Amino acid sequence: MGNNGAMGAADFLLSPTVQQLLQLTLADPGKQFAAADLAKACKLDLPQVQETLAHLLDNGVLLRGEA
């Protein structure tokens, strides 16, 4: 989310993992994502993605879809 090496507000406030997950999920807000798919797309470990998603869900940043 940075711009040409300059540190933006998102870079300062959000971890790289959060930035990657939000970039993917907010690009297609109507789509439901599985943690494993997000981990693969972001090239992150599944436990790290699951922990970050839990934090984002618990704080209302993301909403859980119907299974």
Protein backbone atom coordinates (compact mmCIF):
# COMPACT_ATOMS: atom_id res chain seq x y z
CA MET A 1 0.00 0.00 0.00
CA GLY A 2 3.01 2.25 0.11
CA ASN A 3 3.76 4.73 -2.64
CA ASN A 4 7.18 4.81 -4.26
CA GLY A 5 9.09 4.18 -1.05
CA ALA A 6 7.33 6.90 0.92
CA MET A 7 5.80 5.71 4.17
CA GLY A 8 2.05 6.25 4.09
CA ALA A 9 -0.41 6.14 6.96
CA ALA A 10 -1.30 2.51 6.25
CA ASP A 11 2.38 1.53 6.36
CA PHE A 12 2.77 3.24 9.71
CA LEU A 13 -0.44 1.97 11.32
CA LEU A 14 -0.95 -1.52 9.85
CA SER A 15 1.33 -4.51 9.73
CA PRO A 16 2.32 -5.82 6.29
CA THR A 17 0.13 -8.89 6.88
CA VAL A 18 -2.92 -6.76 7.65
CA GLN A 19 -2.21 -4.60 4.62
CA GLN A 20 -2.00 -7.62 2.31
CA LEU A 21 -5.19 -9.19 3.64
CA LEU A 22 -7.16 -5.95 3.48
CA GLN A 23 -5.90 -5.20 0.00
CA LEU A 24 -7.25 -8.55 -1.25
CA THR A 25 -10.51 -8.57 0.68
CA LEU A 26 -11.43 -4.94 0.07
CA ALA A 27 -10.74 -5.27 -3.66
CA ASP A 28 -13.76 -7.61 -3.89
CA PRO A 29 -15.98 -6.85 -0.87
CA GLY A 30 -18.85 -9.10 -1.94
CA LYS A 31 -16.65 -12.18 -2.22
CA GLN A 32 -16.18 -14.68 0.59
CA PHE A 33 -12.60 -15.76 1.21
CA ALA A 34 -11.21 -18.85 2.89
CA ALA A 35 -8.18 -18.35 5.12
CA ALA A 36 -6.22 -20.94 3.14
CA ASP A 37 -6.90 -19.09 -0.11
CA LEU A 38 -5.81 -15.79 1.40
CA ALA A 39 -2.66 -17.38 2.79
CA LYS A 40 -1.79 -18.79 -0.62
CA ALA A 41 -2.53 -15.53 -2.45
CA CYS A 42 -0.46 -13.50 0.05
CA LYS A 43 2.28 -16.16 0.32
CA LEU A 44 1.88 -16.24 4.10
CA ASP A 45 1.68 -19.07 6.62
CA LEU A 46 -1.88 -20.21 7.32
CA PRO A 47 -1.60 -19.81 11.14
CA GLN A 48 -0.44 -16.20 10.69
CA VAL A 49 -3.38 -15.48 8.37
CA GLN A 50 -5.85 -17.17 10.73
CA GLU A 51 -4.58 -15.14 13.69
CA THR A 52 -4.73 -11.89 11.74
CA LEU A 53 -8.20 -12.64 10.39
CA ALA A 54 -9.43 -13.43 13.90
CA HIS A 55 -8.14 -10.03 15.06
CA LEU A 56 -9.79 -8.23 12.12
CA LEU A 57 -13.08 -10.10 12.67
CA ASP A 58 -13.07 -9.54 16.45
CA ASN A 59 -12.59 -5.81 15.91
CA GLY A 60 -15.25 -5.49 13.22
CA VAL A 61 -12.84 -4.60 10.43
CA LEU A 62 -14.00 -7.63 8.43
CA LEU A 63 -17.29 -9.48 8.64
CA ARG A 64 -17.72 -13.22 8.68
CA GLY A 65 -19.78 -14.54 5.78
CA GLU A 66 -22.35 -17.28 5.98
CA ALA A 67 -20.88 -20.73 5.46
